[in-house]
Amino acid sequence: MRSLPLLCGILLLLTASACSDLATLRSDQPLLPVRDYERMIVGRLDADYIGNDQCLVKCHKHDTIAKNFQASIHGEQIEAGSGLPLVNCESCHGPGSLAVAHIDEKQKCDFDTLLKIKELPAQAQSLICLKCHSASSTPVLHYWNAGNHANSDVSCFACHKLHQGPQQKVSRHDVAELCYNCHQAVRSQFSNVSHHPVPEHKIGCTDCHNPHGTAGEHNLLGATIREMCTRCHMEYQGPFVYEHADVTEDCTNCHNPHGTPNNNLLRVAQPFLCMQCHAGHQEKNHPTLVDAPAGSSFKPAFYSRCTDCHSAIHGTDIPSGKGKGSFIAR
């Protein structure tokens, strides 16, 4: 019998150690093996599942959670006649028998016996959803685990609110405001004079980005930035006989797709943008200056735009007078 107190003491120490490790995890947020996150979302092993009726009637009878949940996508699946997998409160919050065990005496539920989802690491929070919404059943989540959001401590609950009734799925109209909660610098870029019409709700963030992750950079729907841009701007897709190297490499070398103070989403105003790579007309060996007759009035470079002459800057099939491509439209 003496071994029993010793065993209890060891169990208490292990429990305290586990709690300490969890506290450290929440502060440092290191990436752990999936099995460690799985252990965090099991719930109390000494509790039993009691069903939704107990939760909604005993604990949430007079609040909005019951009404909103029943109107949600998950709530609609509770009815056995729906033919859908049954999803209830305990699917996410863990078994609830201990929460309602003394409700008559305490007049309230013991919520401390349920999973404290908001206190879990983001990866564990998302794993609650991924138990059902796996990559095989939800193709849009194929790249989630390797995506930017999953690896930046962003959980499913950062965007999806499960108790908000039929509006569980983020609407196209609201998606930009949701993204701005984290991407505040992008929001300021959209306030520039030149911007993609996201604030006007003509396009949305998800027209270019998949928030659940992609194989490309920046969560773009296209394999490359150029492929993404030319889905709409097809006139610049090419191929052209004379191609501008910066254009074929990456559109964002010249443009900021979210917005800038300059025309046409240019990162820097002309001619300074072009002069980052090209010496321009200040060089004496420039063919335009060499061939210019005496008395010609070419504007100084700082007072003109390169595209006044080189209007086919994205590429052209037309050679210049010297047999080279100078992106001059004729």
C-alpha atoms as a PDB file:
ATOM      1  CA  MET A   1       0.000   0.000   0.000  1.00  0.00           C
ATOM      2  CA  ARG A   2       2.967   2.303   0.557  1.00  0.00           C
ATOM      3  CA  SER A   3       3.571   2.250  -3.164  1.00  0.00           C
ATOM      4  CA  LEU A   4       0.190   3.888  -3.839  1.00  0.00           C
ATOM      5  CA  PRO A   5       1.103   7.357  -2.439  1.00  0.00           C
ATOM      6  CA  LEU A   6       4.416   7.137  -4.260  1.00  0.00           C
ATOM      7  CA  LEU A   7       2.634   6.312  -7.511  1.00  0.00           C
ATOM      8  CA  CYS A   8       0.199   9.191  -7.010  1.00  0.00           C
ATOM      9  CA  GLY A   9       3.100  11.525  -6.352  1.00  0.00           C
ATOM     10  CA  ILE A  10       4.811  10.471  -9.561  1.00  0.00           C
ATOM     11  CA  LEU A  11       1.595  11.001 -11.514  1.00  0.00           C
ATOM     12  CA  LEU A  12       1.209  14.482 -10.043  1.00  0.00           C
ATOM     13  CA  LEU A  13       4.776  15.348 -11.001  1.00  0.00           C
ATOM     14  CA  LEU A  14       4.219  14.091 -14.539  1.00  0.00           C
ATOM     15  CA  THR A  15       0.994  16.085 -14.783  1.00  0.00           C
ATOM     16  CA  ALA A  16       2.709  19.240 -13.514  1.00  0.00           C
ATOM     17  CA  SER A  17       5.551  18.654 -15.961  1.00  0.00           C
ATOM     18  CA  ALA A  18       3.093  18.225 -18.828  1.00  0.00           C
ATOM     19  CA  CYS A  19       1.298  21.449 -17.877  1.00  0.00           C
ATOM     20  CA  SER A  20       4.621  23.255 -17.661  1.00  0.00           C
ATOM     21  CA  ASP A  21       5.615  21.944 -21.095  1.00  0.00           C
ATOM     22  CA  LEU A  22       2.285  23.070 -22.515  1.00  0.00           C
ATOM     23  CA  ALA A  23       2.733  26.545 -21.023  1.00  0.00           C
ATOM     24  CA  THR A  24       6.176  26.750 -22.626  1.00  0.00           C
ATOM     25  CA  LEU A  25       4.714  25.559 -25.908  1.00  0.00           C
ATOM     26  CA  ARG A  26       2.093  28.281 -25.909  1.00  0.00           C
ATOM     27  CA  SER A  27       4.711  30.973 -25.377  1.00  0.00           C
ATOM     28  CA  ASP A  28       7.361  29.693 -27.790  1.00  0.00           C
ATOM     29  CA  GLN A  29       5.078  28.071 -30.395  1.00  0.00           C
ATOM     30  CA  PRO A  30       7.609  25.530 -31.710  1.00  0.00           C
ATOM     31  CA  LEU A  31       6.487  23.056 -34.337  1.00  0.00           C
ATOM     32  CA  LEU A  32       5.905  19.603 -32.867  1.00  0.00           C
ATOM     33  CA  PRO A  33       5.107  16.194 -34.338  1.00  0.00           C
ATOM     34  CA  VAL A  34       1.435  15.820 -35.232  1.00  0.00           C
ATOM     35  CA  ARG A  35       0.930  13.181 -32.533  1.00  0.00           C
ATOM     36  CA  ASP A  36       1.742  15.783 -29.861  1.00  0.00           C
ATOM     37  CA  TYR A  37      -0.992  18.080 -31.135  1.00  0.00           C
ATOM     38  CA  GLU A  38      -3.368  15.122 -31.330  1.00  0.00           C
ATOM     39  CA  ARG A  39      -2.898  14.491 -27.609  1.00  0.00           C
ATOM     40  CA  MET A  40      -3.869  18.079 -26.844  1.00  0.00           C
ATOM     41  CA  ILE A  41      -7.297  17.801 -28.486  1.00  0.00           C
ATOM     42  CA  VAL A  42      -8.443  14.471 -27.039  1.00  0.00           C
ATOM     43  CA  GLY A  43     -10.197  16.036 -24.054  1.00  0.00           C
ATOM     44  CA  ARG A  44     -10.643  14.592 -20.572  1.00  0.00           C
ATOM     45  CA  LEU A  45     -10.175  10.825 -20.550  1.00  0.00           C
ATOM     46  CA  ASP A  46     -12.406  10.511 -17.474  1.00  0.00           C
ATOM     47  CA  ALA A  47     -15.348  12.227 -19.203  1.00  0.00           C
ATOM     48  CA  ASP A  48     -18.077  10.722 -21.362  1.00  0.00           C
ATOM     49  CA  TYR A  49     -19.894  12.003 -24.430  1.00  0.00           C
ATOM     50  CA  ILE A  50     -23.407  13.176 -23.641  1.00  0.00           C
ATOM     51  CA  GLY A  51     -24.727  14.536 -26.940  1.00  0.00           C
ATOM     52  CA  ASN A  52     -25.813  17.951 -28.157  1.00  0.00           C
ATOM     53  CA  ASP A  53     -29.118  18.032 -26.325  1.00  0.00           C
ATOM     54  CA  GLN A  54     -27.358  18.223 -22.979  1.00  0.00           C
ATOM     55  CA  CYS A  55     -25.112  21.056 -24.160  1.00  0.00           C
ATOM     56  CA  LEU A  56     -27.801  23.144 -25.817  1.00  0.00           C
ATOM     57  CA  VAL A  57     -30.487  22.677 -23.164  1.00  0.00           C
ATOM     58  CA  LYS A  58     -28.512  22.702 -19.933  1.00  0.00           C
ATOM     59  CA  CYS A  59     -25.726  25.173 -20.692  1.00  0.00           C
ATOM     60  CA  HIS A  60     -26.643  27.217 -23.749  1.00  0.00           C
ATOM     61  CA  LYS A  61     -30.395  27.445 -23.484  1.00  0.00           C
ATOM     62  CA  HIS A  62     -30.588  31.212 -23.081  1.00  0.00           C
ATOM     63  CA  ASP A  63     -27.620  32.430 -25.131  1.00  0.00           C
ATOM     64  CA  THR A  64     -27.149  32.918 -28.860  1.00  0.00           C
ATOM     65  CA  ILE A  65     -24.743  30.012 -29.283  1.00  0.00           C
ATOM     66  CA  ALA A  66     -27.512  27.422 -29.570  1.00  0.00           C
ATOM     67  CA  LYS A  67     -29.475  29.440 -32.125  1.00  0.00           C
ATOM     68  CA  ASN A  68     -26.439  30.315 -34.210  1.00  0.00           C
ATOM     69  CA  PHE A  69     -25.012  26.804 -34.095  1.00  0.00           C
ATOM     70  CA  GLN A  70     -28.260  25.208 -35.218  1.00  0.00           C
ATOM     71  CA  ALA A  71     -28.342  27.587 -38.207  1.00  0.00           C
ATOM     72  CA  SER A  72     -24.727  26.852 -39.102  1.00  0.00           C
ATOM     73  CA  ILE A  73     -23.386  24.311 -41.567  1.00  0.00           C
ATOM     74  CA  HIS A  74     -22.344  22.032 -38.723  1.00  0.00           C
ATOM     75  CA  GLY A  75     -25.617  22.431 -36.858  1.00  0.00           C
ATOM     76  CA  GLU A  76     -27.611  21.366 -39.902  1.00  0.00           C
ATOM     77  CA  GLN A  77     -25.750  18.059 -39.933  1.00  0.00           C
ATOM     78  CA  ILE A  78     -26.965  17.045 -36.474  1.00  0.00           C
ATOM     79  CA  GLU A  79     -30.236  15.668 -37.829  1.00  0.00           C
ATOM     80  CA  ALA A  80     -29.756  11.992 -38.612  1.00  0.00           C
ATOM     81  CA  GLY A  81     -32.056  12.298 -41.614  1.00  0.00           C
ATOM     82  CA  SER A  82     -29.635  14.659 -43.337  1.00  0.00           C
ATOM     83  CA  GLY A  83     -27.482  11.732 -44.424  1.00  0.00           C
ATOM     84  CA  LEU A  84     -24.372  13.722 -43.486  1.00  0.00           C
ATOM     85  CA  PRO A  85     -21.771  12.832 -40.859  1.00  0.00           C
ATOM     86  CA  LEU A  86     -23.044  13.970 -37.498  1.00  0.00           C
ATOM     87  CA  VAL A  87     -21.099  16.874 -36.065  1.00  0.00           C
ATOM     88  CA  ASN A  88     -21.887  18.121 -32.587  1.00  0.00           C
ATOM     89  CA  CYS A  89     -20.465  20.313 -29.849  1.00  0.00           C
ATOM     90  CA  GLU A  90     -18.284  17.539 -28.450  1.00  0.00           C
ATOM     91  CA  SER A  91     -16.653  16.926 -31.822  1.00  0.00           C
ATOM     92  CA  CYS A  92     -14.612  20.056 -31.118  1.00  0.00           C
ATOM     93  CA  HIS A  93     -14.911  20.684 -27.371  1.00  0.00           C
ATOM     94  CA  GLY A  94     -14.385  17.119 -26.152  1.00  0.00           C
ATOM     95  CA  PRO A  95     -16.677  14.965 -23.961  1.00  0.00           C
ATOM     96  CA  GLY A  96     -18.961  17.046 -21.760  1.00  0.00           C
ATOM     97  CA  SER A  97     -20.235  14.788 -18.966  1.00  0.00           C
ATOM     98  CA  LEU A  98     -18.083  16.496 -16.330  1.00  0.00           C
ATOM     99  CA  ALA A  99     -19.240  19.919 -17.491  1.00  0.00           C
ATOM    100  CA  VAL A 100     -22.883  19.153 -16.651  1.00  0.00           C
ATOM    101  CA  ALA A 101     -22.354  16.694 -13.784  1.00  0.00           C
ATOM    102  CA  HIS A 102     -23.189  19.210 -11.042  1.00  0.00           C
ATOM    103  CA  ILE A 103     -25.213  21.716 -12.978  1.00  0.00           C
ATOM    104  CA  ASP A 104     -28.185  21.434 -10.621  1.00  0.00           C
ATOM    105  CA  GLU A 105     -25.997  22.331  -7.662  1.00  0.00           C
ATOM    106  CA  LYS A 106     -23.810  24.992  -9.262  1.00  0.00           C
ATOM    107  CA  GLN A 107     -26.411  26.400 -11.665  1.00  0.00           C
ATOM    108  CA  LYS A 108     -23.747  26.660 -14.312  1.00  0.00           C
ATOM    109  CA  CYS A 109     -21.600  24.437 -16.435  1.00  0.00           C
ATOM    110  CA  ASP A 110     -18.042  23.611 -15.489  1.00  0.00           C
ATOM    111  CA  PHE A 111     -16.418  24.818 -18.696  1.00  0.00           C
ATOM    112  CA  ASP A 112     -12.950  24.174 -17.275  1.00  0.00           C
ATOM    113  CA  THR A 113     -13.465  20.461 -17.925  1.00  0.00           C
ATOM    114  CA  LEU A 114     -13.783  21.078 -21.674  1.00  0.00           C
ATOM    115  CA  LEU A 115     -11.036  21.764 -24.174  1.00  0.00           C
ATOM    116  CA  LYS A 116      -9.798  25.344 -23.918  1.00  0.00           C
ATOM    117  CA  ILE A 117      -9.519  25.743 -27.659  1.00  0.00           C
ATOM    118  CA  LYS A 118      -8.390  29.379 -27.613  1.00  0.00           C
ATOM    119  CA  GLU A 119      -5.449  28.464 -25.377  1.00  0.00           C
ATOM    120  CA  LEU A 120      -4.203  25.703 -27.662  1.00  0.00           C
ATOM    121  CA  PRO A 121      -1.371  26.312 -30.144  1.00  0.00           C
ATOM    122  CA  ALA A 122      -2.609  27.288 -33.587  1.00  0.00           C
ATOM    123  CA  GLN A 123      -1.533  23.938 -35.013  1.00  0.00           C
ATOM    124  CA  ALA A 124      -3.628  22.047 -32.455  1.00  0.00           C
ATOM    125  CA  GLN A 125      -6.612  24.328 -33.075  1.00  0.00           C
ATOM    126  CA  SER A 126      -6.470  23.615 -36.796  1.00  0.00           C
ATOM    127  CA  LEU A 127      -6.085  19.902 -36.174  1.00  0.00           C
ATOM    128  CA  ILE A 128      -9.550  19.907 -34.595  1.00  0.00           C
ATOM    129  CA  CYS A 129     -10.907  20.969 -37.993  1.00  0.00           C
ATOM    130  CA  LEU A 130      -8.558  18.759 -39.993  1.00  0.00           C
ATOM    131  CA  LYS A 131      -9.961  15.659 -38.289  1.00  0.00           C
ATOM    132  CA  CYS A 132     -12.915  16.024 -40.667  1.00  0.00           C
ATOM    133  CA  HIS A 133     -11.674  18.490 -43.275  1.00  0.00           C
ATOM    134  CA  SER A 134      -8.723  16.436 -44.449  1.00  0.00           C
ATOM    135  CA  ALA A 135      -6.851  17.116 -47.667  1.00  0.00           C
ATOM    136  CA  SER A 136      -8.489  14.079 -49.245  1.00  0.00           C
ATOM    137  CA  SER A 137     -12.024  15.252 -48.459  1.00  0.00           C
ATOM    138  CA  THR A 138     -11.337  18.972 -48.942  1.00  0.00           C
ATOM    139  CA  PRO A 139      -8.936  19.436 -51.901  1.00  0.00           C
ATOM    140  CA  VAL A 140      -8.475  23.148 -51.182  1.00  0.00           C
ATOM    141  CA  LEU A 141      -6.561  22.123 -48.032  1.00  0.00           C
ATOM    142  CA  HIS A 142      -4.005  20.030 -49.915  1.00  0.00           C
ATOM    143  CA  TYR A 143      -1.187  22.509 -49.215  1.00  0.00           C
ATOM    144  CA  TRP A 144      -2.377  23.720 -45.799  1.00  0.00           C
ATOM    145  CA  ASN A 145       0.267  22.061 -43.621  1.00  0.00           C
ATOM    146  CA  ALA A 146       3.094  23.436 -45.769  1.00  0.00           C
ATOM    147  CA  GLY A 147       1.446  26.818 -46.347  1.00  0.00           C
ATOM    148  CA  ASN A 148       2.367  30.256 -45.063  1.00  0.00           C
ATOM    149  CA  HIS A 149      -0.551  30.560 -42.657  1.00  0.00           C
ATOM    150  CA  ALA A 150      -0.139  27.164 -41.004  1.00  0.00           C
ATOM    151  CA  ASN A 151       3.547  27.876 -40.432  1.00  0.00           C
ATOM    152  CA  SER A 152       2.878  31.380 -39.114  1.00  0.00           C
ATOM    153  CA  ASP A 153       0.717  30.276 -36.154  1.00  0.00           C
ATOM    154  CA  VAL A 154      -2.543  31.099 -37.934  1.00  0.00           C
ATOM    155  CA  SER A 155      -5.322  28.633 -37.189  1.00  0.00           C
ATOM    156  CA  CYS A 156      -8.598  27.917 -38.979  1.00  0.00           C
ATOM    157  CA  PHE A 157     -10.424  29.835 -36.237  1.00  0.00           C
ATOM    158  CA  ALA A 158      -8.608  33.041 -37.181  1.00  0.00           C
ATOM    159  CA  CYS A 159     -10.892  33.279 -40.216  1.00  0.00           C
ATOM    160  CA  HIS A 160     -13.776  30.871 -39.615  1.00  0.00           C
ATOM    161  CA  LYS A 161     -16.148  31.474 -36.698  1.00  0.00           C
ATOM    162  CA  LEU A 162     -18.104  28.332 -35.904  1.00  0.00           C
ATOM    163  CA  HIS A 163     -20.856  29.905 -33.814  1.00  0.00           C
ATOM    164  CA  GLN A 164     -21.944  32.661 -36.188  1.00  0.00           C
ATOM    165  CA  GLY A 165     -24.882  30.970 -37.823  1.00  0.00           C
ATOM    166  CA  PRO A 166     -25.098  30.524 -41.583  1.00  0.00           C
ATOM    167  CA  GLN A 167     -22.145  32.878 -42.163  1.00  0.00           C
ATOM    168  CA  GLN A 168     -19.488  30.279 -41.315  1.00  0.00           C
ATOM    169  CA  LYS A 169     -18.010  30.476 -44.777  1.00  0.00           C
ATOM    170  CA  VAL A 170     -16.245  33.769 -45.353  1.00  0.00           C
ATOM    171  CA  SER A 171     -18.219  35.720 -47.946  1.00  0.00           C
ATOM    172  CA  ARG A 172     -16.470  37.204 -50.966  1.00  0.00           C
ATOM    173  CA  HIS A 173     -17.636  40.666 -49.943  1.00  0.00           C
ATOM    174  CA  ASP A 174     -16.002  40.416 -46.500  1.00  0.00           C
ATOM    175  CA  VAL A 175     -12.831  38.520 -47.307  1.00  0.00           C
ATOM    176  CA  ALA A 176     -10.648  41.625 -47.782  1.00  0.00           C
ATOM    177  CA  GLU A 177     -11.601  43.067 -44.393  1.00  0.00           C
ATOM    178  CA  LEU A 178     -10.774  39.719 -42.839  1.00  0.00           C
ATOM    179  CA  CYS A 179      -7.336  39.656 -44.478  1.00  0.00           C
ATOM    180  CA  TYR A 180      -6.647  43.231 -43.373  1.00  0.00           C
ATOM    181  CA  ASN A 181      -6.768  42.117 -39.726  1.00  0.00           C
ATOM    182  CA  CYS A 182      -3.262  40.768 -40.227  1.00  0.00           C
ATOM    183  CA  HIS A 183      -2.113  42.326 -43.503  1.00  0.00           C
ATOM    184  CA  GLN A 184      -2.411  45.959 -42.470  1.00  0.00           C
ATOM    185  CA  ALA A 185       0.421  47.129 -44.735  1.00  0.00           C
ATOM    186  CA  VAL A 186      -1.483  45.767 -47.725  1.00  0.00           C
ATOM    187  CA  ARG A 187      -4.566  47.668 -46.607  1.00  0.00           C
ATOM    188  CA  SER A 188      -2.601  50.918 -46.694  1.00  0.00           C
ATOM    189  CA  GLN A 189      -1.356  50.102 -50.196  1.00  0.00           C
ATOM    190  CA  PHE A 190      -4.931  49.747 -51.421  1.00  0.00           C
ATOM    191  CA  SER A 191      -5.581  53.314 -50.268  1.00  0.00           C
ATOM    192  CA  ASN A 192      -3.189  54.629 -52.926  1.00  0.00           C
ATOM    193  CA  VAL A 193      -4.570  56.348 -56.022  1.00  0.00           C
ATOM    194  CA  SER A 194      -3.397  53.505 -58.249  1.00  0.00           C
ATOM    195  CA  HIS A 195      -4.628  50.148 -56.939  1.00  0.00           C
ATOM    196  CA  HIS A 196      -6.410  47.001 -57.966  1.00  0.00           C
ATOM    197  CA  PRO A 197     -10.159  47.476 -57.369  1.00  0.00           C
ATOM    198  CA  VAL A 198     -10.315  45.390 -54.195  1.00  0.00           C
ATOM    199  CA  PRO A 199     -11.802  48.228 -52.067  1.00  0.00           C
ATOM    200  CA  GLU A 200     -14.486  48.627 -54.737  1.00  0.00           C
ATOM    201  CA  HIS A 201     -15.316  44.896 -54.419  1.00  0.00           C
ATOM    202  CA  LYS A 202     -14.705  44.304 -58.133  1.00  0.00           C
ATOM    203  CA  ILE A 203     -12.094  41.683 -57.289  1.00  0.00           C
ATOM    204  CA  GLY A 204     -11.072  40.101 -54.011  1.00  0.00           C
ATOM    205  CA  CYS A 205      -7.971  38.757 -52.308  1.00  0.00           C
ATOM    206  CA  THR A 206      -8.985  35.192 -53.142  1.00  0.00           C
ATOM    207  CA  ASP A 207      -8.983  35.947 -56.874  1.00  0.00           C
ATOM    208  CA  CYS A 208      -5.188  35.865 -56.654  1.00  0.00           C
ATOM    209  CA  HIS A 209      -4.435  34.102 -53.358  1.00  0.00           C
ATOM    210  CA  ASN A 210      -5.559  30.847 -51.787  1.00  0.00           C
ATOM    211  CA  PRO A 211      -5.459  31.446 -48.010  1.00  0.00           C
ATOM    212  CA  HIS A 212      -5.282  27.689 -47.431  1.00  0.00           C
ATOM    213  CA  GLY A 213      -1.938  27.457 -49.231  1.00  0.00           C
ATOM    214  CA  THR A 214      -0.617  26.664 -52.702  1.00  0.00           C
ATOM    215  CA  ALA A 215       2.474  25.170 -54.287  1.00  0.00           C
ATOM    216  CA  GLY A 216       3.572  28.632 -55.460  1.00  0.00           C
ATOM    217  CA  GLU A 217       4.905  31.640 -53.597  1.00  0.00           C
ATOM    218  CA  HIS A 218       2.715  34.116 -51.696  1.00  0.00           C
ATOM    219  CA  ASN A 219      -0.164  31.604 -51.715  1.00  0.00           C
ATOM    220  CA  LEU A 220      -0.811  32.571 -55.351  1.00  0.00           C
ATOM    221  CA  LEU A 221      -3.293  30.542 -57.361  1.00  0.00           C
ATOM    222  CA  GLY A 222      -0.893  30.548 -60.305  1.00  0.00           C
ATOM    223  CA  ALA A 223       2.396  28.660 -60.427  1.00  0.00           C
ATOM    224  CA  THR A 224       4.287  31.969 -60.862  1.00  0.00           C
ATOM    225  CA  ILE A 225       3.548  35.647 -60.375  1.00  0.00           C
ATOM    226  CA  ARG A 226       3.595  36.225 -64.140  1.00  0.00           C
ATOM    227  CA  GLU A 227       1.147  33.396 -64.757  1.00  0.00           C
ATOM    228  CA  MET A 228      -1.139  34.854 -62.100  1.00  0.00           C
ATOM    229  CA  CYS A 229      -1.091  38.335 -63.644  1.00  0.00           C
ATOM    230  CA  THR A 230      -1.591  37.198 -67.233  1.00  0.00           C
ATOM    231  CA  ARG A 231      -4.769  35.345 -66.310  1.00  0.00           C
ATOM    232  CA  CYS A 232      -6.425  38.750 -66.506  1.00  0.00           C
ATOM    233  CA  HIS A 233      -3.834  40.759 -68.461  1.00  0.00           C
ATOM    234  CA  MET A 234      -3.684  38.300 -71.351  1.00  0.00           C
ATOM    235  CA  GLU A 235      -2.442  40.896 -73.842  1.00  0.00           C
ATOM    236  CA  TYR A 236       0.932  40.811 -72.064  1.00  0.00           C
ATOM    237  CA  GLN A 237       1.267  37.039 -72.013  1.00  0.00           C
ATOM    238  CA  GLY A 238       3.212  36.672 -75.260  1.00  0.00           C
ATOM    239  CA  PRO A 239       5.349  35.071 -76.432  1.00  0.00           C
ATOM    240  CA  PHE A 240       6.890  38.029 -78.250  1.00  0.00           C
ATOM    241  CA  VAL A 241       9.835  38.175 -80.634  1.00  0.00           C
ATOM    242  CA  TYR A 242      11.339  40.924 -78.501  1.00  0.00           C
ATOM    243  CA  GLU A 243      10.659  40.324 -74.834  1.00  0.00           C
ATOM    244  CA  HIS A 244      11.476  42.576 -71.908  1.00  0.00           C
ATOM    245  CA  ALA A 245      13.545  40.487 -69.505  1.00  0.00           C
ATOM    246  CA  ASP A 246      11.970  41.989 -66.396  1.00  0.00           C
ATOM    247  CA  VAL A 247       8.491  41.205 -67.702  1.00  0.00           C
ATOM    248  CA  THR A 248       9.224  37.564 -68.455  1.00  0.00           C
ATOM    249  CA  GLU A 249      10.895  37.172 -65.070  1.00  0.00           C
ATOM    250  CA  ASP A 250       8.432  38.781 -62.651  1.00  0.00           C
ATOM    251  CA  CYS A 251       5.771  41.470 -63.087  1.00  0.00           C
ATOM    252  CA  THR A 252       6.459  42.757 -59.576  1.00  0.00           C
ATOM    253  CA  ASN A 253       9.895  43.974 -60.671  1.00  0.00           C
ATOM    254  CA  CYS A 254       8.033  47.025 -61.941  1.00  0.00           C
ATOM    255  CA  HIS A 255       4.531  46.802 -60.426  1.00  0.00           C
ATOM    256  CA  ASN A 256       3.119  46.496 -56.930  1.00  0.00           C
ATOM    257  CA  PRO A 257      -0.181  44.667 -57.457  1.00  0.00           C
ATOM    258  CA  HIS A 258      -1.787  46.034 -54.304  1.00  0.00           C
ATOM    259  CA  GLY A 259      -1.262  49.723 -54.989  1.00  0.00           C
ATOM    260  CA  THR A 260       1.214  52.586 -55.308  1.00  0.00           C
ATOM    261  CA  PRO A 261       1.115  56.398 -55.588  1.00  0.00           C
ATOM    262  CA  ASN A 262       2.283  56.077 -59.220  1.00  0.00           C
ATOM    263  CA  ASN A 263       0.268  55.422 -62.369  1.00  0.00           C
ATOM    264  CA  ASN A 264      -0.280  51.845 -63.527  1.00  0.00           C
ATOM    265  CA  LEU A 265       0.761  50.362 -60.178  1.00  0.00           C
ATOM    266  CA  LEU A 266       4.409  51.241 -60.881  1.00  0.00           C
ATOM    267  CA  ARG A 267       6.735  50.844 -57.919  1.00  0.00           C
ATOM    268  CA  VAL A 268       8.686  53.958 -58.938  1.00  0.00           C
ATOM    269  CA  ALA A 269       7.572  56.779 -61.245  1.00  0.00           C
ATOM    270  CA  GLN A 270       8.978  57.070 -64.745  1.00  0.00           C
ATOM    271  CA  PRO A 271      11.679  57.615 -65.860  1.00  0.00           C
ATOM    272  CA  PHE A 272      13.340  56.642 -62.580  1.00  0.00           C
ATOM    273  CA  LEU A 273      11.941  53.111 -62.691  1.00  0.00           C
ATOM    274  CA  CYS A 274      13.490  52.459 -66.111  1.00  0.00           C
ATOM    275  CA  MET A 275      16.746  54.130 -65.123  1.00  0.00           C
ATOM    276  CA  GLN A 276      17.282  51.527 -62.414  1.00  0.00           C
ATOM    277  CA  CYS A 277      18.377  49.241 -65.274  1.00  0.00           C
ATOM    278  CA  HIS A 278      18.810  51.516 -68.306  1.00  0.00           C
ATOM    279  CA  ALA A 279      21.157  54.497 -68.610  1.00  0.00           C
ATOM    280  CA  GLY A 280      18.661  56.257 -70.847  1.00  0.00           C
ATOM    281  CA  HIS A 281      19.133  59.202 -73.170  1.00  0.00           C
ATOM    282  CA  GLN A 282      21.816  60.850 -71.088  1.00  0.00           C
ATOM    283  CA  GLU A 283      24.429  58.610 -72.721  1.00  0.00           C
ATOM    284  CA  LYS A 284      26.026  60.082 -75.877  1.00  0.00           C
ATOM    285  CA  ASN A 285      26.078  56.717 -77.639  1.00  0.00           C
ATOM    286  CA  HIS A 286      22.294  56.326 -77.447  1.00  0.00           C
ATOM    287  CA  PRO A 287      21.134  55.878 -81.080  1.00  0.00           C
ATOM    288  CA  THR A 288      18.326  58.392 -80.714  1.00  0.00           C
ATOM    289  CA  LEU A 289      20.742  61.156 -79.739  1.00  0.00           C
ATOM    290  CA  VAL A 290      23.341  60.162 -82.312  1.00  0.00           C
ATOM    291  CA  ASP A 291      20.834  60.213 -85.169  1.00  0.00           C
ATOM    292  CA  ALA A 292      19.054  63.336 -83.999  1.00  0.00           C
ATOM    293  CA  PRO A 293      19.514  66.262 -86.378  1.00  0.00           C
ATOM    294  CA  ALA A 294      20.899  69.511 -85.061  1.00  0.00           C
ATOM    295  CA  GLY A 295      18.349  71.672 -83.338  1.00  0.00           C
ATOM    296  CA  SER A 296      15.999  68.798 -82.461  1.00  0.00           C
ATOM    297  CA  SER A 297      14.154  69.347 -79.201  1.00  0.00           C
ATOM    298  CA  PHE A 298      14.232  66.104 -77.230  1.00  0.00           C
ATOM    299  CA  LYS A 299      12.833  66.514 -73.737  1.00  0.00           C
ATOM    300  CA  PRO A 300      15.268  66.007 -70.869  1.00  0.00           C
ATOM    301  CA  ALA A 301      14.799  62.533 -69.418  1.00  0.00           C
ATOM    302  CA  PHE A 302      13.465  63.799 -66.085  1.00  0.00           C
ATOM    303  CA  TYR A 303      10.584  65.599 -67.790  1.00  0.00           C
ATOM    304  CA  SER A 304       9.397  62.781 -70.040  1.00  0.00           C
ATOM    305  CA  ARG A 305       8.138  59.226 -69.757  1.00  0.00           C
ATOM    306  CA  CYS A 306       9.992  56.386 -71.419  1.00  0.00           C
ATOM    307  CA  THR A 307       6.692  54.874 -72.511  1.00  0.00           C
ATOM    308  CA  ASP A 308       5.913  57.974 -74.592  1.00  0.00           C
ATOM    309  CA  CYS A 309       8.098  56.245 -77.176  1.00  0.00           C
ATOM    310  CA  HIS A 310       8.591  52.725 -75.811  1.00  0.00           C
ATOM    311  CA  SER A 311       4.889  52.030 -75.413  1.00  0.00           C
ATOM    312  CA  ALA A 312       5.197  48.288 -76.071  1.00  0.00           C
ATOM    313  CA  ILE A 313       7.321  47.841 -72.980  1.00  0.00           C
ATOM    314  CA  HIS A 314       5.786  44.462 -72.138  1.00  0.00           C
ATOM    315  CA  GLY A 315       7.013  42.992 -75.431  1.00  0.00           C
ATOM    316  CA  THR A 316       6.578  43.386 -79.178  1.00  0.00           C
ATOM    317  CA  ASP A 317       7.043  41.563 -82.455  1.00  0.00           C
ATOM    318  CA  ILE A 318       8.110  44.763 -84.249  1.00  0.00           C
ATOM    319  CA  PRO A 319      11.855  45.517 -84.588  1.00  0.00           C
ATOM    320  CA  SER A 320      13.283  48.995 -84.236  1.00  0.00           C
ATOM    321  CA  GLY A 321      14.898  50.913 -87.087  1.00  0.00           C
ATOM    322  CA  LYS A 322      18.245  49.376 -86.241  1.00  0.00           C
ATOM    323  CA  GLY A 323      16.867  45.837 -86.411  1.00  0.00           C
ATOM    324  CA  LYS A 324      16.674  45.441 -82.656  1.00  0.00           C
ATOM    325  CA  GLY A 325      13.740  45.355 -80.338  1.00  0.00           C
ATOM    326  CA  SER A 326      13.338  48.685 -78.565  1.00  0.00           C
ATOM    327  CA  PHE A 327       9.694  48.068 -77.599  1.00  0.00           C
ATOM    328  CA  ILE A 328       8.575  50.992 -79.781  1.00  0.00           C
ATOM    329  CA  ALA A 329       5.047  50.513 -81.080  1.00  0.00           C
ATOM    330  CA  ARG A 330       4.480  51.618 -84.675  1.00  0.00           C
END
